[in-house]
Each structure stands twice: as C-alpha cells, then as structure tokens.
Amino acid sequence: MAYWLMKSEPGAWSWDNQVKEGVAEWDGVRNHQASNNMKAMTKGDKAFFYHSVNEKRIVGIVSVVKE
C-alpha cells in the first residue's frame, strides 16, 4: 500500500463534498507529474486530502477504490 497527497481547492472540491459523495472520480488534473502519480495509484492505496489556498492543511484521509 502506498500513501499519496490529493490537493484540492476548497472552492472547487472540498472535504465536505467528498464526504457527501462518498466515492468520486478525481478529474481535471492539469499538472503532468500529478497526472502520472494518479496513474500510479492502485486500489487500496490511501491518500491525505489536502485543502490548498487559504486553509493549507490536511482535512481527511481517502482510499483509492478504482484504478
């Protein structure tokens, strides 16, 4: 199992959105390195859910459920 950092702007997708949806596809990644890291994720990996911009903190932990 690997551990990752998933960064999101709260105005675009917040921890509250994630909790409400339960499972959500992570899309809209423009950074090439970030996209490659996402392709390296495997089912069962864990990720720290990080709010960027003003909060700048880890707000939760998620699991990768689909490759």
N, C-alpha and C. Protein backbone atom coordinates (compact mmCIF):
# COMPACT_ATOMS: atom_id res chain seq x y z
N MET A 1 0.85 -1.18 0.00
CA MET A 1 0.00 0.00 0.00
C MET A 1 0.90 1.24 0.00
N ALA A 2 0.51 2.22 -0.81
CA ALA A 2 1.23 3.49 -0.88
C ALA A 2 0.36 4.59 -0.28
N TYR A 3 1.00 5.69 0.07
CA TYR A 3 0.30 6.86 0.60
C TYR A 3 0.56 8.04 -0.34
N TRP A 4 -0.50 8.81 -0.60
CA TRP A 4 -0.44 9.91 -1.55
C TRP A 4 -1.00 11.17 -0.92
N LEU A 5 -0.78 12.30 -1.59
CA LEU A 5 -1.36 13.58 -1.18
C LEU A 5 -2.27 14.05 -2.32
N MET A 6 -3.55 14.22 -2.02
CA MET A 6 -4.52 14.72 -3.00
C MET A 6 -4.87 16.15 -2.61
N LYS A 7 -4.49 17.10 -3.46
CA LYS A 7 -4.65 18.51 -3.16
C LYS A 7 -5.85 19.07 -3.92
N SER A 8 -6.68 19.83 -3.21
CA SER A 8 -7.86 20.42 -3.85
C SER A 8 -8.12 21.81 -3.28
N GLU A 9 -8.57 22.69 -4.15
CA GLU A 9 -9.03 24.00 -3.68
C GLU A 9 -10.43 23.81 -3.12
N PRO A 10 -10.68 24.22 -1.87
CA PRO A 10 -11.99 24.00 -1.26
C PRO A 10 -13.15 24.57 -2.07
N GLY A 11 -12.92 25.65 -2.82
CA GLY A 11 -13.98 26.23 -3.63
C GLY A 11 -14.36 25.36 -4.82
N ALA A 12 -13.43 24.51 -5.26
CA ALA A 12 -13.68 23.62 -6.40
C ALA A 12 -14.20 22.27 -5.94
N TRP A 13 -13.55 21.67 -4.95
CA TRP A 13 -13.97 20.37 -4.39
C TRP A 13 -13.45 20.31 -2.96
N SER A 14 -14.35 20.35 -2.01
CA SER A 14 -13.95 20.41 -0.60
C SER A 14 -14.09 19.04 0.07
N TRP A 15 -13.57 18.95 1.26
CA TRP A 15 -13.71 17.73 2.05
C TRP A 15 -15.20 17.44 2.29
N ASP A 16 -15.99 18.48 2.52
CA ASP A 16 -17.44 18.30 2.70
C ASP A 16 -18.06 17.67 1.46
N ASN A 17 -17.64 18.11 0.26
CA ASN A 17 -18.13 17.49 -0.98
C ASN A 17 -17.77 16.01 -1.01
N GLN A 18 -16.53 15.70 -0.64
CA GLN A 18 -16.05 14.32 -0.68
C GLN A 18 -16.85 13.44 0.28
N VAL A 19 -17.08 13.95 1.46
CA VAL A 19 -17.85 13.18 2.46
C VAL A 19 -19.27 12.94 1.96
N LYS A 20 -19.89 13.96 1.39
CA LYS A 20 -21.26 13.83 0.86
C LYS A 20 -21.35 12.79 -0.25
N GLU A 21 -20.41 12.84 -1.19
CA GLU A 21 -20.41 11.93 -2.34
C GLU A 21 -19.96 10.53 -1.96
N GLY A 22 -19.06 10.43 -1.01
CA GLY A 22 -18.53 9.12 -0.63
C GLY A 22 -17.45 8.65 -1.59
N VAL A 23 -17.84 8.38 -2.82
CA VAL A 23 -16.89 7.97 -3.87
C VAL A 23 -17.02 8.97 -5.00
N ALA A 24 -15.89 9.48 -5.45
CA ALA A 24 -15.91 10.46 -6.54
C ALA A 24 -14.68 10.30 -7.41
N GLU A 25 -14.87 10.50 -8.71
CA GLU A 25 -13.75 10.45 -9.64
C GLU A 25 -12.96 11.75 -9.53
N TRP A 26 -11.64 11.62 -9.46
CA TRP A 26 -10.78 12.79 -9.36
C TRP A 26 -10.36 13.15 -10.78
N ASP A 27 -10.85 14.28 -11.28
CA ASP A 27 -10.53 14.66 -12.65
C ASP A 27 -10.11 16.12 -12.72
N GLY A 28 -9.80 16.57 -13.91
CA GLY A 28 -9.41 17.95 -14.10
C GLY A 28 -7.97 18.25 -13.72
N VAL A 29 -7.15 17.22 -13.59
CA VAL A 29 -5.75 17.41 -13.21
C VAL A 29 -4.99 17.90 -14.45
N ARG A 30 -4.37 19.06 -14.32
CA ARG A 30 -3.63 19.65 -15.45
C ARG A 30 -2.13 19.42 -15.36
N ASN A 31 -1.63 19.22 -14.16
CA ASN A 31 -0.19 19.05 -13.96
C ASN A 31 0.23 17.65 -14.42
N HIS A 32 1.22 17.59 -15.30
CA HIS A 32 1.66 16.32 -15.88
C HIS A 32 2.19 15.35 -14.81
N GLN A 33 2.98 15.84 -13.89
CA GLN A 33 3.54 14.98 -12.84
C GLN A 33 2.44 14.45 -11.93
N ALA A 34 1.48 15.30 -11.59
CA ALA A 34 0.36 14.87 -10.76
C ALA A 34 -0.46 13.81 -11.47
N SER A 35 -0.67 14.00 -12.76
CA SER A 35 -1.42 13.03 -13.56
C SER A 35 -0.70 11.67 -13.57
N ASN A 36 0.61 11.69 -13.74
CA ASN A 36 1.39 10.45 -13.71
C ASN A 36 1.31 9.77 -12.34
N ASN A 37 1.34 10.56 -11.28
CA ASN A 37 1.22 9.98 -9.94
C ASN A 37 -0.14 9.33 -9.75
N MET A 38 -1.18 9.95 -10.28
CA MET A 38 -2.52 9.36 -10.16
C MET A 38 -2.60 8.04 -10.91
N LYS A 39 -1.92 7.96 -12.06
CA LYS A 39 -1.91 6.71 -12.82
C LYS A 39 -1.17 5.61 -12.07
N ALA A 40 -0.28 5.98 -11.18
CA ALA A 40 0.49 5.00 -10.40
C ALA A 40 -0.28 4.50 -9.18
N MET A 41 -1.39 5.13 -8.85
CA MET A 41 -2.18 4.71 -7.69
C MET A 41 -2.84 3.37 -7.95
N THR A 42 -2.92 2.57 -6.91
CA THR A 42 -3.59 1.28 -7.02
C THR A 42 -4.69 1.17 -5.97
N LYS A 43 -5.64 0.32 -6.26
CA LYS A 43 -6.76 0.11 -5.35
C LYS A 43 -6.23 -0.26 -3.97
N GLY A 44 -6.76 0.40 -2.95
CA GLY A 44 -6.34 0.15 -1.58
C GLY A 44 -5.33 1.15 -1.05
N ASP A 45 -4.69 1.91 -1.95
CA ASP A 45 -3.78 2.97 -1.50
C ASP A 45 -4.57 4.00 -0.71
N LYS A 46 -3.90 4.70 0.17
CA LYS A 46 -4.51 5.77 0.97
C LYS A 46 -3.99 7.11 0.48
N ALA A 47 -4.79 8.15 0.66
CA ALA A 47 -4.37 9.50 0.28
C ALA A 47 -4.82 10.50 1.34
N PHE A 48 -3.95 11.42 1.64
CA PHE A 48 -4.30 12.54 2.51
C PHE A 48 -5.00 13.59 1.65
N PHE A 49 -6.17 14.02 2.08
CA PHE A 49 -6.96 15.02 1.35
C PHE A 49 -6.56 16.39 1.90
N TYR A 50 -5.93 17.20 1.04
CA TYR A 50 -5.33 18.47 1.44
C TYR A 50 -6.08 19.64 0.83
N HIS A 51 -6.50 20.59 1.67
CA HIS A 51 -7.10 21.83 1.18
C HIS A 51 -5.99 22.83 0.92
N SER A 52 -5.90 23.29 -0.32
CA SER A 52 -4.91 24.30 -0.66
C SER A 52 -5.52 25.69 -0.49
N VAL A 53 -4.85 26.69 -0.94
CA VAL A 53 -5.24 28.10 -0.92
C VAL A 53 -5.16 28.64 0.51
N ASN A 54 -6.29 28.99 1.13
CA ASN A 54 -6.25 29.66 2.45
C ASN A 54 -6.01 28.71 3.62
N GLU A 55 -6.65 27.54 3.61
CA GLU A 55 -6.53 26.62 4.75
C GLU A 55 -5.16 25.99 4.85
N LYS A 56 -4.68 25.46 3.76
CA LYS A 56 -3.39 24.78 3.68
C LYS A 56 -3.20 23.77 4.82
N ARG A 57 -4.05 22.74 4.78
CA ARG A 57 -3.96 21.68 5.79
C ARG A 57 -4.61 20.40 5.29
N ILE A 58 -4.21 19.30 5.89
CA ILE A 58 -4.84 18.01 5.61
C ILE A 58 -6.15 17.97 6.37
N VAL A 59 -7.24 17.65 5.67
CA VAL A 59 -8.56 17.67 6.28
C VAL A 59 -9.19 16.28 6.37
N GLY A 60 -8.57 15.27 5.73
CA GLY A 60 -9.14 13.94 5.78
C GLY A 60 -8.25 12.92 5.09
N ILE A 61 -8.68 11.67 5.16
CA ILE A 61 -7.96 10.57 4.52
C ILE A 61 -8.97 9.81 3.66
N VAL A 62 -8.56 9.51 2.42
CA VAL A 62 -9.41 8.77 1.49
C VAL A 62 -8.69 7.50 1.04
N SER A 63 -9.45 6.59 0.47
CA SER A 63 -8.89 5.36 -0.10
C SER A 63 -9.10 5.34 -1.60
N VAL A 64 -8.13 4.82 -2.32
CA VAL A 64 -8.28 4.64 -3.77
C VAL A 64 -9.15 3.40 -3.96
N VAL A 65 -10.27 3.55 -4.68
CA VAL A 65 -11.21 2.45 -4.85
C VAL A 65 -11.24 1.89 -6.27
N LYS A 66 -10.57 2.59 -7.21
CA LYS A 66 -10.58 2.15 -8.60
C LYS A 66 -9.29 2.62 -9.27
N GLU A 67 -8.75 1.78 -10.13
CA GLU A 67 -7.53 2.15 -10.85
C GLU A 67 -7.87 2.69 -12.21
